[in-house]
Protein backbone atom coordinates (compact mmCIF):
# COMPACT_ATOMS: atom_id res chain seq x y z
CA MET A 1 -4.87 -8.29 -14.23
CA GLU A 2 -6.56 -10.26 -11.46
CA ILE A 3 -6.19 -10.12 -7.69
CA ASN A 4 -7.69 -12.57 -5.22
CA LEU A 5 -10.15 -11.45 -2.58
CA ALA A 6 -8.95 -12.14 0.96
CA VAL A 7 -11.34 -14.21 3.05
CA THR A 8 -9.55 -14.87 6.33
CA GLY A 9 -5.92 -15.51 7.05
CA GLU A 10 -4.14 -17.16 4.14
CA LYS A 11 -7.35 -18.24 2.41
CA LYS A 12 -8.17 -16.61 -0.90
CA GLY A 13 -11.60 -15.91 -2.31
CA SER A 14 -12.73 -15.29 -5.86
CA ALA A 15 -10.61 -13.30 -8.27
CA LEU A 16 -11.26 -9.63 -9.02
CA GLU A 17 -10.35 -8.11 -12.37
CA VAL A 18 -8.54 -4.77 -11.93
CA SER A 19 -7.11 -2.21 -14.30
CA ASP A 20 -3.48 -2.61 -15.36
CA VAL A 21 -3.25 1.17 -15.61
CA THR A 22 -4.06 1.69 -11.93
CA PHE A 23 -2.73 -1.50 -10.37
CA GLY A 24 -0.12 -2.71 -12.85
CA ARG A 25 2.15 0.27 -13.36
CA GLU A 26 5.93 -0.05 -13.13
CA PHE A 27 7.32 1.50 -9.96
CA ASN A 28 8.94 4.92 -10.42
CA GLU A 29 10.87 5.61 -7.22
CA ALA A 30 11.91 9.16 -8.17
CA LEU A 31 8.32 10.16 -8.94
CA VAL A 32 6.92 8.66 -5.74
CA HIS A 33 9.67 10.28 -3.69
CA GLN A 34 9.02 13.71 -5.20
CA VAL A 35 5.26 13.51 -4.65
CA VAL A 36 5.60 12.22 -1.07
CA VAL A 37 8.11 14.95 -0.17
CA ALA A 38 5.86 17.59 -1.74
CA TYR A 39 2.82 16.27 0.11
CA MET A 40 4.61 16.31 3.47
CA ALA A 41 6.05 19.76 2.77
CA GLY A 42 2.57 21.05 2.04
CA ALA A 43 1.40 19.75 5.41
CA ARG A 44 3.88 21.98 7.26
CA ALA A 45 2.25 24.94 8.99
CA GLY A 46 5.16 27.28 8.27
CA THR A 47 4.00 29.64 11.03
CA ARG A 48 7.19 29.87 13.11
CA ALA A 49 8.29 33.45 13.74
CA GLN A 50 10.88 35.35 15.78
CA LYS A 51 11.31 39.07 16.32
CA THR A 52 14.06 41.10 14.70
CA ARG A 53 15.30 44.33 16.27
CA SER A 54 12.60 46.21 14.37
CA ASP A 55 9.83 44.01 15.85
CA VAL A 56 10.83 44.23 19.53
CA SER A 57 8.89 46.88 21.45
CA GLY A 58 10.66 49.82 23.06
CA GLY A 59 14.21 50.95 22.47
CA GLY A 60 13.41 54.26 20.80
CA ALA A 61 15.63 56.24 23.14
CA LYS A 62 19.41 55.90 23.43
CA PRO A 63 20.07 54.05 26.74
CA TRP A 64 22.85 56.44 27.80
CA ARG A 65 24.95 59.13 26.26
CA GLN A 66 27.61 58.21 23.73
CA LYS A 67 30.69 59.18 25.75
CA GLY A 68 31.76 59.66 29.32
CA THR A 69 30.03 56.78 31.12
CA GLY A 70 32.80 54.19 30.75
CA ARG A 71 30.29 51.73 29.31
CA ALA A 72 30.24 50.37 25.78
CA ARG A 73 28.34 52.64 23.44
CA ALA A 74 24.74 51.65 22.81
CA GLY A 75 22.01 53.09 20.65
CA THR A 76 19.00 50.90 21.47
CA ILE A 77 17.93 48.24 23.94
CA ARG A 78 16.54 46.25 21.00
CA SER A 79 20.03 45.35 19.74
CA PRO A 80 20.53 41.62 19.08
CA ILE A 81 23.52 41.57 21.43
CA TRP A 82 21.34 42.65 24.34
CA ARG A 83 19.25 40.32 26.47
CA THR A 84 15.58 40.67 25.43
CA GLY A 85 16.76 42.25 22.20
CA GLY A 86 15.84 41.14 18.71
CA VAL A 87 17.16 38.06 16.88
CA THR A 88 19.85 38.69 14.27
CA PHE A 89 18.57 36.26 11.63
CA ALA A 90 15.00 35.83 12.79
CA ALA A 91 12.82 33.02 11.44
CA ARG A 92 9.89 34.23 9.39
CA PRO A 93 6.62 32.51 8.39
CA GLN A 94 7.05 30.82 5.03
CA ASP A 95 5.17 28.66 2.58
CA HIS A 96 6.85 25.24 2.22
CA SER A 97 4.45 23.90 -0.39
CA GLN A 98 5.81 22.46 -3.63
CA LYS A 99 3.98 22.33 -6.93
CA VAL A 100 2.98 18.88 -8.13
CA ASN A 101 0.81 18.73 -11.23
CA ARG A 102 -2.15 16.38 -11.55
CA LYS A 103 -0.39 14.00 -13.94
CA MET A 104 2.52 13.49 -11.52
CA TYR A 105 0.19 12.92 -8.57
CA ARG A 106 -1.89 10.41 -10.53
CA GLY A 107 1.26 8.59 -11.63
CA ALA A 108 2.56 8.39 -8.06
CA MET A 109 -0.75 6.98 -6.79
CA GLN A 110 -0.72 4.37 -9.57
CA CYS A 111 2.86 3.40 -8.68
CA ILE A 112 2.03 3.06 -4.99
CA LEU A 113 -1.13 1.00 -5.57
CA SER A 114 0.73 -1.27 -8.01
CA GLU A 115 3.64 -1.72 -5.60
CA LEU A 116 1.26 -2.65 -2.78
CA ILE A 117 0.10 -5.59 -4.89
CA ARG A 118 3.64 -6.62 -5.86
CA GLN A 119 4.73 -6.57 -2.21
CA ASP A 120 1.58 -8.49 -1.17
CA ARG A 121 0.55 -5.64 1.12
CA LEU A 122 -2.92 -5.10 -0.36
CA LEU A 123 -5.87 -7.16 0.89
CA VAL A 124 -9.11 -6.77 -1.03
CA VAL A 125 -12.32 -7.79 0.75
CA ASP A 126 -16.02 -7.65 -0.10
CA SER A 127 -16.72 -5.52 2.96
CA PHE A 128 -15.12 -4.69 6.29
CA ASN A 129 -17.36 -3.70 9.21
CA VAL A 130 -17.73 -4.29 12.94
CA ASP A 131 -20.99 -4.84 14.82
CA ALA A 132 -20.27 -2.37 17.62
CA PRO A 133 -17.96 0.60 18.21
CA LYS A 134 -15.60 -1.51 20.32
CA THR A 135 -11.84 -1.65 19.88
CA LYS A 136 -11.82 -5.26 21.08
CA GLY A 137 -14.08 -6.31 18.21
CA LEU A 138 -11.89 -4.63 15.60
CA VAL A 139 -8.73 -6.18 17.04
CA ALA A 140 -10.35 -9.62 16.82
CA LYS A 141 -11.45 -9.02 13.23
CA LEU A 142 -7.95 -7.90 12.21
CA ALA A 143 -6.53 -10.97 13.95
CA GLU A 144 -8.54 -13.14 11.55
CA TYR A 145 -6.31 -11.76 8.80
CA GLY A 146 -3.20 -11.88 11.00
CA LEU A 147 -2.91 -8.09 11.11
CA THR A 148 -2.08 -5.51 13.76
CA ASP A 149 -0.85 -2.66 11.53
CA ALA A 150 -3.28 -1.73 8.76
CA LEU A 151 -5.02 1.01 6.84
CA ILE A 152 -8.68 0.24 6.14
CA VAL A 153 -10.09 1.89 3.02
CA SER A 154 -13.72 1.93 1.91
CA THR A 155 -15.95 4.19 -0.15
CA GLU A 156 -17.68 5.43 3.00
CA VAL A 157 -16.37 5.25 6.56
CA GLU A 158 -18.82 3.30 8.70
CA GLU A 159 -19.26 4.99 12.10
CA ASN A 160 -18.78 1.87 14.25
CA LEU A 161 -15.57 1.05 12.41
CA TYR A 162 -14.25 4.58 12.77
CA LEU A 163 -14.98 4.68 16.51
CA ALA A 164 -13.48 1.22 17.07
CA ALA A 165 -10.23 2.21 15.35
CA ARG A 166 -9.67 5.51 17.14
CA ASN A 167 -7.82 3.93 20.04
CA LEU A 168 -5.49 1.82 17.88
CA HIS A 169 -2.19 3.50 17.14
CA LYS A 170 -1.32 1.37 14.12
CA VAL A 171 -4.78 1.23 12.56
CA ASP A 172 -6.52 3.93 10.56
CA VAL A 173 -9.82 4.08 8.68
CA ARG A 174 -10.31 6.30 5.64
CA ASP A 175 -12.55 6.69 2.67
CA VAL A 176 -11.12 6.73 -0.85
CA ASN A 177 -11.06 10.52 -1.05
CA GLY A 178 -9.15 10.70 2.23
CA CYS A 179 -6.29 8.52 1.00
CA ASP A 180 -3.00 10.15 0.08
CA PRO A 181 0.46 8.85 -0.92
CA VAL A 182 1.80 9.02 2.64
CA SER A 183 -1.10 7.14 4.25
CA LEU A 184 -0.92 4.33 1.68
CA ILE A 185 2.77 3.62 2.36
CA ALA A 186 2.73 4.24 6.11
CA PHE A 187 1.09 0.95 7.12
CA ASP A 188 2.24 -2.66 6.79
CA LYS A 189 -0.99 -3.69 5.07
CA VAL A 190 -3.85 -1.93 3.30
CA ILE A 191 -7.31 -3.48 3.54
CA MET A 192 -9.50 -2.26 0.70
CA THR A 193 -13.09 -3.08 -0.14
CA VAL A 194 -14.08 -4.06 -3.68
CA ASP A 195 -16.04 -0.82 -4.06
CA ALA A 196 -12.99 1.16 -2.97
CA VAL A 197 -10.86 -0.59 -5.61
CA LYS A 198 -13.36 0.37 -8.30
CA LYS A 199 -13.43 3.95 -7.01
CA PHE A 200 -9.63 4.12 -7.17
CA GLU A 201 -9.79 2.91 -10.76
CA GLU A 202 -12.24 5.71 -11.60
CA MET A 203 -10.11 8.35 -9.90
CA TRP A 204 -6.62 7.32 -10.99
CA GLY A 205 -7.22 5.19 -14.08
């Protein structure tokens, strides 16, 4: 299949031949959903922790004798019903990661890249650079394409471009290896260089 290179705004440049395997796959919503959920689950730290009665320090001695004080009986100050005691059902660190095999991940990436083309959210350009590490310059360059919310993908992240994009909330710059299912669907548009397209075809074709 062919896609047109974006020049500026609505203008279209020459056509680029791309692989139907990578950029022409039918969208599989269930597969993409599963891979995205698994990716986000794997990003969770899973380090939350609370103390049970066995983790709280102290409490080895019985606070007072069993009978004769008029108070409720108590065996330890670490009891969950006491202030500063342990938590009854304490949260424990856990691994939230889900297994996704390579074939599923590749299929999801193909579906996402293909859907970006169908939804006219993918802009392919020869190159995308800025002259200086200035946010103002990048904003002006994006304005030429009528964009304010975009992911910029290239084979190598140029330093000036990276520095210029750091202060823009809705703009991100990544190389091909740094792209994942979530980043590709999180932005309104994806600007991709020709070399990046070819690299994607090598990786996910």
